[in-house]
Amino acid sequence: MITRTKDELVSVREAARQCGRNMETIRRWIWGGKLPAQKLGNQLFIKRSDLASYCRETATKQYQAEKKEDFLERAIRLRNKIRARTGTEFDVVADLKKMREERMNELEQSLR
């Protein structure tokens, strides 16, 4: 008599559905050694308990919300730090435009 246990095997397709992931993601986890699996014939199967623990582990790692510093605040701090070090004023947008123009001129000359 075969009894079903908590460690019954699930296919990659079923594992992906249960974890809310793509089948290729599940395969990458397996081939990367992160998720143990068994190959039966030409199909991969995962123990349901292994899948549950790995999905729970990756979910807690991936979705931990942390307070992120505002991008604008970081940019202003960086700009002030550069000004303090170099002692010069600069305009990033103007510098980028100048670099692009120079690069376009180089490309035009190389095509002639």
PDB file of N, CA and C in Angstrom:
ATOM      1  N   MET A   1       0.839  -1.176   0.000  1.00  0.00           N
ATOM      2  CA  MET A   1       0.000   0.000   0.000  1.00  0.00           C
ATOM      3  C   MET A   1       0.891   1.248   0.000  1.00  0.00           C
ATOM      4  N   ILE A   2       0.602   2.171  -0.892  1.00  0.00           N
ATOM      5  CA  ILE A   2       1.376   3.405  -0.989  1.00  0.00           C
ATOM      6  C   ILE A   2       0.663   4.464  -0.163  1.00  0.00           C
ATOM      7  N   THR A   3       1.400   5.087   0.745  1.00  0.00           N
ATOM      8  CA  THR A   3       0.812   6.165   1.549  1.00  0.00           C
ATOM      9  C   THR A   3       1.393   7.482   1.096  1.00  0.00           C
ATOM     10  N   ARG A   4       0.558   8.467   1.051  1.00  0.00           N
ATOM     11  CA  ARG A   4       1.036   9.809   0.691  1.00  0.00           C
ATOM     12  C   ARG A   4       1.549  10.476   1.952  1.00  0.00           C
ATOM     13  N   THR A   5       2.741  11.013   1.855  1.00  0.00           N
ATOM     14  CA  THR A   5       3.325  11.714   2.981  1.00  0.00           C
ATOM     15  C   THR A   5       3.442  13.176   2.638  1.00  0.00           C
ATOM     16  N   LYS A   6       3.916  13.916   3.613  1.00  0.00           N
ATOM     17  CA  LYS A   6       4.125  15.348   3.395  1.00  0.00           C
ATOM     18  C   LYS A   6       5.204  15.586   2.346  1.00  0.00           C
ATOM     19  N   ASP A   7       6.082  14.580   2.153  1.00  0.00           N
ATOM     20  CA  ASP A   7       7.187  14.709   1.215  1.00  0.00           C
ATOM     21  C   ASP A   7       6.847  14.164  -0.165  1.00  0.00           C
ATOM     22  N   GLU A   8       5.592  14.229  -0.569  1.00  0.00           N
ATOM     23  CA  GLU A   8       5.266  13.778  -1.910  1.00  0.00           C
ATOM     24  C   GLU A   8       5.949  14.680  -2.924  1.00  0.00           C
ATOM     25  N   LEU A   9       6.189  14.151  -4.103  1.00  0.00           N
ATOM     26  CA  LEU A   9       6.911  14.879  -5.133  1.00  0.00           C
ATOM     27  C   LEU A   9       5.954  15.698  -5.987  1.00  0.00           C
ATOM     28  N   VAL A  10       6.443  16.867  -6.406  1.00  0.00           N
ATOM     29  CA  VAL A  10       5.665  17.711  -7.313  1.00  0.00           C
ATOM     30  C   VAL A  10       6.540  18.027  -8.519  1.00  0.00           C
ATOM     31  N   SER A  11       5.891  18.228  -9.656  1.00  0.00           N
ATOM     32  CA  SER A  11       6.615  18.543 -10.880  1.00  0.00           C
ATOM     33  C   SER A  11       7.089  20.002 -10.849  1.00  0.00           C
ATOM     34  N   VAL A  12       7.944  20.340 -11.790  1.00  0.00           N
ATOM     35  CA  VAL A  12       8.435  21.716 -11.899  1.00  0.00           C
ATOM     36  C   VAL A  12       7.258  22.652 -12.169  1.00  0.00           C
ATOM     37  N   ARG A  13       6.333  22.217 -13.014  1.00  0.00           N
ATOM     38  CA  ARG A  13       5.164  23.044 -13.329  1.00  0.00           C
ATOM     39  C   ARG A  13       4.335  23.325 -12.067  1.00  0.00           C
ATOM     40  N   GLU A  14       4.090  22.274 -11.285  1.00  0.00           N
ATOM     41  CA  GLU A  14       3.303  22.443 -10.060  1.00  0.00           C
ATOM     42  C   GLU A  14       4.067  23.288  -9.039  1.00  0.00           C
ATOM     43  N   ALA A  15       5.378  23.086  -8.960  1.00  0.00           N
ATOM     44  CA  ALA A  15       6.200  23.872  -8.033  1.00  0.00           C
ATOM     45  C   ALA A  15       6.137  25.354  -8.395  1.00  0.00           C
ATOM     46  N   ALA A  16       6.220  25.647  -9.682  1.00  0.00           N
ATOM     47  CA  ALA A  16       6.161  27.040 -10.134  1.00  0.00           C
ATOM     48  C   ALA A  16       4.807  27.651  -9.788  1.00  0.00           C
ATOM     49  N   ARG A  17       3.745  26.890  -9.983  1.00  0.00           N
ATOM     50  CA  ARG A  17       2.408  27.393  -9.666  1.00  0.00           C
ATOM     51  C   ARG A  17       2.271  27.656  -8.167  1.00  0.00           C
ATOM     52  N   GLN A  18       2.782  26.746  -7.349  1.00  0.00           N
ATOM     53  CA  GLN A  18       2.665  26.906  -5.894  1.00  0.00           C
ATOM     54  C   GLN A  18       3.484  28.078  -5.370  1.00  0.00           C
ATOM     55  N   CYS A  19       4.650  28.318  -5.961  1.00  0.00           N
ATOM     56  CA  CYS A  19       5.517  29.413  -5.505  1.00  0.00           C
ATOM     57  C   CYS A  19       5.178  30.735  -6.171  1.00  0.00           C
ATOM     58  N   GLY A  20       4.360  30.693  -7.212  1.00  0.00           N
ATOM     59  CA  GLY A  20       4.060  31.917  -7.936  1.00  0.00           C
ATOM     60  C   GLY A  20       5.236  32.385  -8.762  1.00  0.00           C
ATOM     61  N   ARG A  21       6.031  31.445  -9.248  1.00  0.00           N
ATOM     62  CA  ARG A  21       7.215  31.743 -10.047  1.00  0.00           C
ATOM     63  C   ARG A  21       7.097  31.114 -11.415  1.00  0.00           C
ATOM     64  N   ASN A  22       8.026  31.455 -12.289  1.00  0.00           N
ATOM     65  CA  ASN A  22       8.102  30.880 -13.616  1.00  0.00           C
ATOM     66  C   ASN A  22       8.767  29.507 -13.523  1.00  0.00           C
ATOM     67  N   MET A  23       8.428  28.602 -14.436  1.00  0.00           N
ATOM     68  CA  MET A  23       9.042  27.274 -14.426  1.00  0.00           C
ATOM     69  C   MET A  23      10.552  27.354 -14.621  1.00  0.00           C
ATOM     70  N   GLU A  24      11.014  28.300 -15.443  1.00  0.00           N
ATOM     71  CA  GLU A  24      12.454  28.455 -15.660  1.00  0.00           C
ATOM     72  C   GLU A  24      13.168  28.880 -14.373  1.00  0.00           C
ATOM     73  N   THR A  25      12.498  29.678 -13.557  1.00  0.00           N
ATOM     74  CA  THR A  25      13.095  30.079 -12.273  1.00  0.00           C
ATOM     75  C   THR A  25      13.297  28.856 -11.394  1.00  0.00           C
ATOM     76  N   ILE A  26      12.307  27.988 -11.336  1.00  0.00           N
ATOM     77  CA  ILE A  26      12.408  26.763 -10.536  1.00  0.00           C
ATOM     78  C   ILE A  26      13.563  25.910 -11.066  1.00  0.00           C
ATOM     79  N   ARG A  27      13.663  25.778 -12.384  1.00  0.00           N
ATOM     80  CA  ARG A  27      14.768  24.993 -12.965  1.00  0.00           C
ATOM     81  C   ARG A  27      16.125  25.604 -12.635  1.00  0.00           C
ATOM     82  N   ARG A  28      16.219  26.943 -12.678  1.00  0.00           N
ATOM     83  CA  ARG A  28      17.492  27.596 -12.318  1.00  0.00           C
ATOM     84  C   ARG A  28      17.853  27.305 -10.867  1.00  0.00           C
ATOM     85  N   TRP A  29      16.859  27.330  -9.982  1.00  0.00           N
ATOM     86  CA  TRP A  29      17.117  27.008  -8.575  1.00  0.00           C
ATOM     87  C   TRP A  29      17.667  25.587  -8.459  1.00  0.00           C
ATOM     88  N   ILE A  30      17.065  24.668  -9.218  1.00  0.00           N
ATOM     89  CA  ILE A  30      17.496  23.264  -9.157  1.00  0.00           C
ATOM     90  C   ILE A  30      18.910  23.122  -9.697  1.00  0.00           C
ATOM     91  N   TRP A  31      19.143  23.620 -10.904  1.00  0.00           N
ATOM     92  CA  TRP A  31      20.466  23.472 -11.517  1.00  0.00           C
ATOM     93  C   TRP A  31      21.519  24.255 -10.760  1.00  0.00           C
ATOM     94  N   GLY A  32      21.135  25.294 -10.060  1.00  0.00           N
ATOM     95  CA  GLY A  32      22.080  26.066  -9.254  1.00  0.00           C
ATOM     96  C   GLY A  32      22.351  25.442  -7.896  1.00  0.00           C
ATOM     97  N   GLY A  33      21.677  24.325  -7.589  1.00  0.00           N
ATOM     98  CA  GLY A  33      21.905  23.633  -6.323  1.00  0.00           C
ATOM     99  C   GLY A  33      21.174  24.252  -5.153  1.00  0.00           C
ATOM    100  N   LYS A  34      20.293  25.187  -5.404  1.00  0.00           N
ATOM    101  CA  LYS A  34      19.568  25.846  -4.322  1.00  0.00           C
ATOM    102  C   LYS A  34      18.343  25.052  -3.878  1.00  0.00           C
ATOM    103  N   LEU A  35      17.790  24.264  -4.784  1.00  0.00           N
ATOM    104  CA  LEU A  35      16.577  23.507  -4.504  1.00  0.00           C
ATOM    105  C   LEU A  35      16.824  22.056  -4.904  1.00  0.00           C
ATOM    106  N   PRO A  36      16.804  21.114  -3.937  1.00  0.00           N
ATOM    107  CA  PRO A  36      17.045  19.713  -4.282  1.00  0.00           C
ATOM    108  C   PRO A  36      15.896  19.146  -5.107  1.00  0.00           C
ATOM    109  N   ALA A  37      16.237  18.294  -6.065  1.00  0.00           N
ATOM    110  CA  ALA A  37      15.231  17.676  -6.921  1.00  0.00           C
ATOM    111  C   ALA A  37      15.708  16.296  -7.350  1.00  0.00           C
ATOM    112  N   GLN A  38      14.750  15.509  -7.829  1.00  0.00           N
ATOM    113  CA  GLN A  38      15.052  14.176  -8.340  1.00  0.00           C
ATOM    114  C   GLN A  38      14.610  14.123  -9.791  1.00  0.00           C
ATOM    115  N   LYS A  39      15.406  13.439 -10.584  1.00  0.00           N
ATOM    116  CA  LYS A  39      15.037  13.288 -11.989  1.00  0.00           C
ATOM    117  C   LYS A  39      14.460  11.887 -12.162  1.00  0.00           C
ATOM    118  N   LEU A  40      13.232  11.835 -12.614  1.00  0.00           N
ATOM    119  CA  LEU A  40      12.572  10.569 -12.906  1.00  0.00           C
ATOM    120  C   LEU A  40      12.238  10.577 -14.390  1.00  0.00           C
ATOM    121  N   GLY A  41      12.944   9.727 -15.144  1.00  0.00           N
ATOM    122  CA  GLY A  41      12.798   9.776 -16.594  1.00  0.00           C
ATOM    123  C   GLY A  41      13.439  11.058 -17.088  1.00  0.00           C
ATOM    124  N   ASN A  42      12.671  11.852 -17.815  1.00  0.00           N
ATOM    125  CA  ASN A  42      13.217  13.130 -18.288  1.00  0.00           C
ATOM    126  C   ASN A  42      12.575  14.316 -17.580  1.00  0.00           C
ATOM    127  N   GLN A  43      11.921  14.063 -16.456  1.00  0.00           N
ATOM    128  CA  GLN A  43      11.282  15.143 -15.694  1.00  0.00           C
ATOM    129  C   GLN A  43      11.920  15.300 -14.331  1.00  0.00           C
ATOM    130  N   LEU A  44      11.907  16.537 -13.848  1.00  0.00           N
ATOM    131  CA  LEU A  44      12.408  16.851 -12.513  1.00  0.00           C
ATOM    132  C   LEU A  44      11.243  16.917 -11.543  1.00  0.00           C
ATOM    133  N   PHE A  45      11.465  16.385 -10.338  1.00  0.00           N
ATOM    134  CA  PHE A  45      10.454  16.437  -9.291  1.00  0.00           C
ATOM    135  C   PHE A  45      11.090  16.935  -8.008  1.00  0.00           C
ATOM    136  N   ILE A  46      10.316  17.682  -7.241  1.00  0.00           N
ATOM    137  CA  ILE A  46      10.789  18.303  -6.008  1.00  0.00           C
ATOM    138  C   ILE A  46       9.924  17.803  -4.861  1.00  0.00           C
ATOM    139  N   LYS A  47      10.557  17.552  -3.715  1.00  0.00           N
ATOM    140  CA  LYS A  47       9.768  17.210  -2.527  1.00  0.00           C
ATOM    141  C   LYS A  47       8.981  18.445  -2.114  1.00  0.00           C
ATOM    142  N   ARG A  48       7.739  18.248  -1.795  1.00  0.00           N
ATOM    143  CA  ARG A  48       6.869  19.358  -1.407  1.00  0.00           C
ATOM    144  C   ARG A  48       7.429  20.107  -0.193  1.00  0.00           C
ATOM    145  N   SER A  49       8.020  19.383   0.764  1.00  0.00           N
ATOM    146  CA  SER A  49       8.573  20.043   1.953  1.00  0.00           C
ATOM    147  C   SER A  49       9.782  20.911   1.609  1.00  0.00           C
ATOM    148  N   ASP A  50      10.642  20.425   0.682  1.00  0.00           N
ATOM    149  CA  ASP A  50      11.795  21.225   0.248  1.00  0.00           C
ATOM    150  C   ASP A  50      11.332  22.493  -0.451  1.00  0.00           C
ATOM    151  N   LEU A  51      10.324  22.344  -1.299  1.00  0.00           N
ATOM    152  CA  LEU A  51       9.791  23.487  -2.027  1.00  0.00           C
ATOM    153  C   LEU A  51       9.208  24.514  -1.067  1.00  0.00           C
ATOM    154  N   ALA A  52       8.442  24.048  -0.104  1.00  0.00           N
ATOM    155  CA  ALA A  52       7.805  24.966   0.844  1.00  0.00           C
ATOM    156  C   ALA A  52       8.844  25.737   1.645  1.00  0.00           C
ATOM    157  N   SER A  53       9.874  25.044   2.112  1.00  0.00           N
ATOM    158  CA  SER A  53      10.882  25.745   2.919  1.00  0.00           C
ATOM    159  C   SER A  53      11.691  26.716   2.069  1.00  0.00           C
ATOM    160  N   TYR A  54      12.032  26.335   0.818  1.00  0.00           N
ATOM    161  CA  TYR A  54      12.816  27.241  -0.027  1.00  0.00           C
ATOM    162  C   TYR A  54      11.996  28.443  -0.468  1.00  0.00           C
ATOM    163  N   CYS A  55      10.751  28.233  -0.825  1.00  0.00           N
ATOM    164  CA  CYS A  55       9.898  29.360  -1.236  1.00  0.00           C
ATOM    165  C   CYS A  55       9.690  30.322  -0.079  1.00  0.00           C
ATOM    166  N   ARG A  56       9.511  29.787   1.102  1.00  0.00           N
ATOM    167  CA  ARG A  56       9.316  30.639   2.284  1.00  0.00           C
ATOM    168  C   ARG A  56      10.599  31.422   2.559  1.00  0.00           C
ATOM    169  N   GLU A  57      11.754  30.755   2.428  1.00  0.00           N
ATOM    170  CA  GLU A  57      13.050  31.406   2.677  1.00  0.00           C
ATOM    171  C   GLU A  57      13.308  32.517   1.668  1.00  0.00           C
ATOM    172  N   THR A  58      13.076  32.257   0.390  1.00  0.00           N
ATOM    173  CA  THR A  58      13.328  33.279  -0.622  1.00  0.00           C
ATOM    174  C   THR A  58      12.328  34.413  -0.513  1.00  0.00           C
ATOM    175  N   ALA A  59      11.108  34.105  -0.104  1.00  0.00           N
ATOM    176  CA  ALA A  59      10.095  35.162   0.029  1.00  0.00           C
ATOM    177  C   ALA A  59      10.478  36.125   1.145  1.00  0.00           C
ATOM    178  N   THR A  60      10.983  35.611   2.257  1.00  0.00           N
ATOM    179  CA  THR A  60      11.352  36.514   3.344  1.00  0.00           C
ATOM    180  C   THR A  60      12.588  37.324   2.985  1.00  0.00           C
ATOM    181  N   LYS A  61      13.514  36.754   2.228  1.00  0.00           N
ATOM    182  CA  LYS A  61      14.704  37.500   1.817  1.00  0.00           C
ATOM    183  C   LYS A  61      14.351  38.576   0.801  1.00  0.00           C
ATOM    184  N   GLN A  62      13.501  38.209  -0.146  1.00  0.00           N
ATOM    185  CA  GLN A  62      13.229  39.107  -1.259  1.00  0.00           C
ATOM    186  C   GLN A  62      12.316  40.259  -0.880  1.00  0.00           C
ATOM    187  N   TYR A  63      11.381  40.043   0.000  1.00  0.00           N
ATOM    188  CA  TYR A  63      10.361  41.047   0.243  1.00  0.00           C
ATOM    189  C   TYR A  63      10.492  41.769   1.576  1.00  0.00           C
ATOM    190  N   GLN A  64      11.679  41.781   2.147  1.00  0.00           N
ATOM    191  CA  GLN A  64      11.876  42.546   3.362  1.00  0.00           C
ATOM    192  C   GLN A  64      11.952  44.020   2.994  1.00  0.00           C
ATOM    193  N   ALA A  65      11.003  44.753   3.477  1.00  0.00           N
ATOM    194  CA  ALA A  65      10.968  46.183   3.153  1.00  0.00           C
ATOM    195  C   ALA A  65      11.886  46.936   4.103  1.00  0.00           C
ATOM    196  N   GLU A  66      12.734  47.717   3.528  1.00  0.00           N
ATOM    197  CA  GLU A  66      13.632  48.563   4.303  1.00  0.00           C
ATOM    198  C   GLU A  66      13.429  49.998   3.847  1.00  0.00           C
ATOM    199  N   LYS A  67      13.677  50.916   4.756  1.00  0.00           N
ATOM    200  CA  LYS A  67      13.541  52.316   4.403  1.00  0.00           C
ATOM    201  C   LYS A  67      14.685  52.672   3.467  1.00  0.00           C
ATOM    202  N   LYS A  68      14.349  53.154   2.300  1.00  0.00           N
ATOM    203  CA  LYS A  68      15.344  53.556   1.318  1.00  0.00           C
ATOM    204  C   LYS A  68      15.479  55.070   1.339  1.00  0.00           C
ATOM    205  N   GLU A  69      16.703  55.511   1.198  1.00  0.00           N
ATOM    206  CA  GLU A  69      16.957  56.938   1.146  1.00  0.00           C
ATOM    207  C   GLU A  69      16.422  57.486  -0.175  1.00  0.00           C
ATOM    208  N   ASP A  70      15.835  58.642  -0.123  1.00  0.00           N
ATOM    209  CA  ASP A  70      15.296  59.271  -1.312  1.00  0.00           C
ATOM    210  C   ASP A  70      16.414  59.528  -2.319  1.00  0.00           C
ATOM    211  N   PHE A  71      16.160  59.219  -3.587  1.00  0.00           N
ATOM    212  CA  PHE A  71      17.171  59.378  -4.625  1.00  0.00           C
ATOM    213  C   PHE A  71      17.649  60.825  -4.735  1.00  0.00           C
ATOM    214  N   LEU A  72      16.715  61.743  -4.683  1.00  0.00           N
ATOM    215  CA  LEU A  72      17.079  63.154  -4.813  1.00  0.00           C
ATOM    216  C   LEU A  72      17.991  63.581  -3.666  1.00  0.00           C
ATOM    217  N   GLU A  73      17.697  63.129  -2.462  1.00  0.00           N
ATOM    218  CA  GLU A  73      18.553  63.464  -1.318  1.00  0.00           C
ATOM    219  C   GLU A  73      19.953  62.906  -1.512  1.00  0.00           C
ATOM    220  N   ARG A  74      20.045  61.680  -2.009  1.00  0.00           N
ATOM    221  CA  ARG A  74      21.354  61.077  -2.255  1.00  0.00           C
ATOM    222  C   ARG A  74      22.121  61.846  -3.323  1.00  0.00           C
ATOM    223  N   ALA A  75      21.424  62.256  -4.388  1.00  0.00           N
ATOM    224  CA  ALA A  75      22.077  62.996  -5.471  1.00  0.00           C
ATOM    225  C   ALA A  75      22.599  64.337  -4.977  1.00  0.00           C
ATOM    226  N   ILE A  76      21.818  65.022  -4.177  1.00  0.00           N
ATOM    227  CA  ILE A  76      22.241  66.325  -3.638  1.00  0.00           C
ATOM    228  C   ILE A  76      23.453  66.155  -2.730  1.00  0.00           C
ATOM    229  N   ARG A  77      23.418  65.118  -1.876  1.00  0.00           N
ATOM    230  CA  ARG A  77      24.562  64.870  -0.991  1.00  0.00           C
ATOM    231  C   ARG A  77      25.819  64.568  -1.789  1.00  0.00           C
ATOM    232  N   LEU A  78      25.680  63.767  -2.847  1.00  0.00           N
ATOM    233  CA  LEU A  78      26.828  63.432  -3.684  1.00  0.00           C
ATOM    234  C   LEU A  78      27.373  64.669  -4.386  1.00  0.00           C
ATOM    235  N   ARG A  79      26.487  65.487  -4.921  1.00  0.00           N
ATOM    236  CA  ARG A  79      26.912  66.718  -5.596  1.00  0.00           C
ATOM    237  C   ARG A  79      27.673  67.615  -4.613  1.00  0.00           C
ATOM    238  N   ASN A  80      27.162  67.769  -3.406  1.00  0.00           N
ATOM    239  CA  ASN A  80      27.829  68.606  -2.396  1.00  0.00           C
ATOM    240  C   ASN A  80      29.189  68.031  -2.014  1.00  0.00           C
ATOM    241  N   LYS A  81      29.274  66.718  -1.941  1.00  0.00           N
ATOM    242  CA  LYS A  81      30.545  66.080  -1.596  1.00  0.00           C
ATOM    243  C   LYS A  81      31.581  66.333  -2.699  1.00  0.00           C
ATOM    244  N   ILE A  82      31.164  66.242  -3.959  1.00  0.00           N
ATOM    245  CA  ILE A  82      32.078  66.491  -5.078  1.00  0.00           C
ATOM    246  C   ILE A  82      32.511  67.954  -5.091  1.00  0.00           C
ATOM    247  N   ARG A  83      31.566  68.842  -4.866  1.00  0.00           N
ATOM    248  CA  ARG A  83      31.914  70.275  -4.808  1.00  0.00           C
ATOM    249  C   ARG A  83      32.920  70.542  -3.705  1.00  0.00           C
ATOM    250  N   ALA A  84      32.731  69.923  -2.533  1.00  0.00           N
ATOM    251  CA  ALA A  84      33.643  70.141  -1.410  1.00  0.00           C
ATOM    252  C   ALA A  84      35.045  69.628  -1.744  1.00  0.00           C
ATOM    253  N   ARG A  85      35.141  68.508  -2.440  1.00  0.00           N
ATOM    254  CA  ARG A  85      36.444  67.946  -2.780  1.00  0.00           C
ATOM    255  C   ARG A  85      37.159  68.734  -3.859  1.00  0.00           C
ATOM    256  N   THR A  86      36.420  69.102  -4.903  1.00  0.00           N
ATOM    257  CA  THR A  86      37.071  69.734  -6.056  1.00  0.00           C
ATOM    258  C   THR A  86      37.084  71.252  -5.969  1.00  0.00           C
ATOM    259  N   GLY A  87      36.142  71.825  -5.238  1.00  0.00           N
ATOM    260  CA  GLY A  87      36.061  73.273  -5.129  1.00  0.00           C
ATOM    261  C   GLY A  87      35.558  73.937  -6.397  1.00  0.00           C
ATOM    262  N   THR A  88      34.926  73.163  -7.271  1.00  0.00           N
ATOM    263  CA  THR A  88      34.421  73.728  -8.524  1.00  0.00           C
ATOM    264  C   THR A  88      32.920  73.502  -8.633  1.00  0.00           C
ATOM    265  N   GLU A  89      32.297  74.410  -9.372  1.00  0.00           N
ATOM    266  CA  GLU A  89      30.878  74.256  -9.697  1.00  0.00           C
ATOM    267  C   GLU A  89      30.772  73.466 -10.996  1.00  0.00           C
ATOM    268  N   PHE A  90      29.757  72.677 -11.118  1.00  0.00           N
ATOM    269  CA  PHE A  90      29.565  71.926 -12.354  1.00  0.00           C
ATOM    270  C   PHE A  90      28.075  71.717 -12.587  1.00  0.00           C
ATOM    271  N   ASP A  91      27.762  71.518 -13.858  1.00  0.00           N
ATOM    272  CA  ASP A  91      26.389  71.260 -14.266  1.00  0.00           C
ATOM    273  C   ASP A  91      26.397  69.913 -14.993  1.00  0.00           C
ATOM    274  N   VAL A  92      25.842  68.909 -14.379  1.00  0.00           N
ATOM    275  CA  VAL A  92      25.884  67.557 -14.918  1.00  0.00           C
ATOM    276  C   VAL A  92      25.211  67.483 -16.288  1.00  0.00           C
ATOM    277  N   VAL A  93      24.066  68.124 -16.433  1.00  0.00           N
ATOM    278  CA  VAL A  93      23.339  68.076 -17.704  1.00  0.00           C
ATOM    279  C   VAL A  93      24.179  68.695 -18.816  1.00  0.00           C
ATOM    280  N   ALA A  94      24.776  69.833 -18.555  1.00  0.00           N
ATOM    281  CA  ALA A  94      25.615  70.484 -19.567  1.00  0.00           C
ATOM    282  C   ALA A  94      26.824  69.619 -19.899  1.00  0.00           C
ATOM    283  N   ASP A  95      27.421  68.998 -18.883  1.00  0.00           N
ATOM    284  CA  ASP A  95      28.571  68.129 -19.123  1.00  0.00           C
ATOM    285  C   ASP A  95      28.188  66.925 -19.981  1.00  0.00           C
ATOM    286  N   LEU A  96      27.030  66.338 -19.720  1.00  0.00           N
ATOM    287  CA  LEU A  96      26.568  65.206 -20.514  1.00  0.00           C
ATOM    288  C   LEU A  96      26.317  65.610 -21.964  1.00  0.00           C
ATOM    289  N   LYS A  97      25.681  66.758 -22.158  1.00  0.00           N
ATOM    290  CA  LYS A  97      25.430  67.236 -23.516  1.00  0.00           C
ATOM    291  C   LYS A  97      26.743  67.455 -24.257  1.00  0.00           C
ATOM    292  N   LYS A  98      27.715  68.032 -23.573  1.00  0.00           N
ATOM    293  CA  LYS A  98      29.013  68.292 -24.185  1.00  0.00           C
ATOM    294  C   LYS A  98      29.692  66.975 -24.573  1.00  0.00           C
ATOM    295  N   MET A  99      29.654  65.994 -23.688  1.00  0.00           N
ATOM    296  CA  MET A  99      30.265  64.697 -23.974  1.00  0.00           C
ATOM    297  C   MET A  99      29.583  64.018 -25.157  1.00  0.00           C
ATOM    298  N   ARG A 100      28.256  64.108 -25.228  1.00  0.00           N
ATOM    299  CA  ARG A 100      27.521  63.508 -26.344  1.00  0.00           C
ATOM    300  C   ARG A 100      27.868  64.184 -27.665  1.00  0.00           C
ATOM    301  N   GLU A 101      27.956  65.494 -27.644  1.00  0.00           N
ATOM    302  CA  GLU A 101      28.322  66.227 -28.858  1.00  0.00           C
ATOM    303  C   GLU A 101      29.712  65.828 -29.332  1.00  0.00           C
ATOM    304  N   GLU A 102      30.657  65.743 -28.394  1.00  0.00           N
ATOM    305  CA  GLU A 102      32.015  65.346 -28.747  1.00  0.00           C
ATOM    306  C   GLU A 102      32.035  63.945 -29.341  1.00  0.00           C
ATOM    307  N   ARG A 103      31.288  63.040 -28.744  1.00  0.00           N
ATOM    308  CA  ARG A 103      31.232  61.661 -29.241  1.00  0.00           C
ATOM    309  C   ARG A 103      30.597  61.597 -30.634  1.00  0.00           C
ATOM    310  N   MET A 104      29.537  62.377 -30.840  1.00  0.00           N
ATOM    311  CA  MET A 104      28.887  62.403 -32.160  1.00  0.00           C
ATOM    312  C   MET A 104      29.848  62.945 -33.221  1.00  0.00           C
ATOM    313  N   ASN A 105      30.616  63.983 -32.863  1.00  0.00           N
ATOM    314  CA  ASN A 105      31.608  64.536 -33.793  1.00  0.00           C
ATOM    315  C   ASN A 105      32.668  63.498 -34.141  1.00  0.00           C
ATOM    316  N   GLU A 106      33.126  62.739 -33.133  1.00  0.00           N
ATOM    317  CA  GLU A 106      34.108  61.682 -33.372  1.00  0.00           C
ATOM    318  C   GLU A 106      33.547  60.635 -34.327  1.00  0.00           C
ATOM    319  N   LEU A 107      32.286  60.233 -34.112  1.00  0.00           N
ATOM    320  CA  LEU A 107      31.673  59.238 -34.967  1.00  0.00           C
ATOM    321  C   LEU A 107      31.502  59.746 -36.391  1.00  0.00           C
ATOM    322  N   GLU A 108      31.103  60.989 -36.538  1.00  0.00           N
ATOM    323  CA  GLU A 108      30.938  61.573 -37.878  1.00  0.00           C
ATOM    324  C   GLU A 108      32.275  61.606 -38.615  1.00  0.00           C
ATOM    325  N   GLN A 109      33.340  61.981 -37.895  1.00  0.00           N
ATOM    326  CA  GLN A 109      34.651  62.045 -38.537  1.00  0.00           C
ATOM    327  C   GLN A 109      35.163  60.670 -38.926  1.00  0.00           C
ATOM    328  N   SER A 110      34.851  59.669 -38.117  1.00  0.00           N
ATOM    329  CA  SER A 110      35.312  58.319 -38.431  1.00  0.00           C
ATOM    330  C   SER A 110      34.570  57.731 -39.627  1.00  0.00           C
ATOM    331  N   LEU A 111      33.368  58.213 -39.901  1.00  0.00           N
ATOM    332  CA  LEU A 111      32.591  57.730 -41.046  1.00  0.00           C
ATOM    333  C   LEU A 111      32.987  58.388 -42.357  1.00  0.00           C
ATOM    334  N   ARG A 112      33.721  59.479 -42.290  1.00  0.00           N
ATOM    335  CA  ARG A 112      34.128  60.197 -43.508  1.00  0.00           C
ATOM    336  C   ARG A 112      35.269  59.544 -44.184  1.00  0.00           C
TER     337      ARG A 112
END
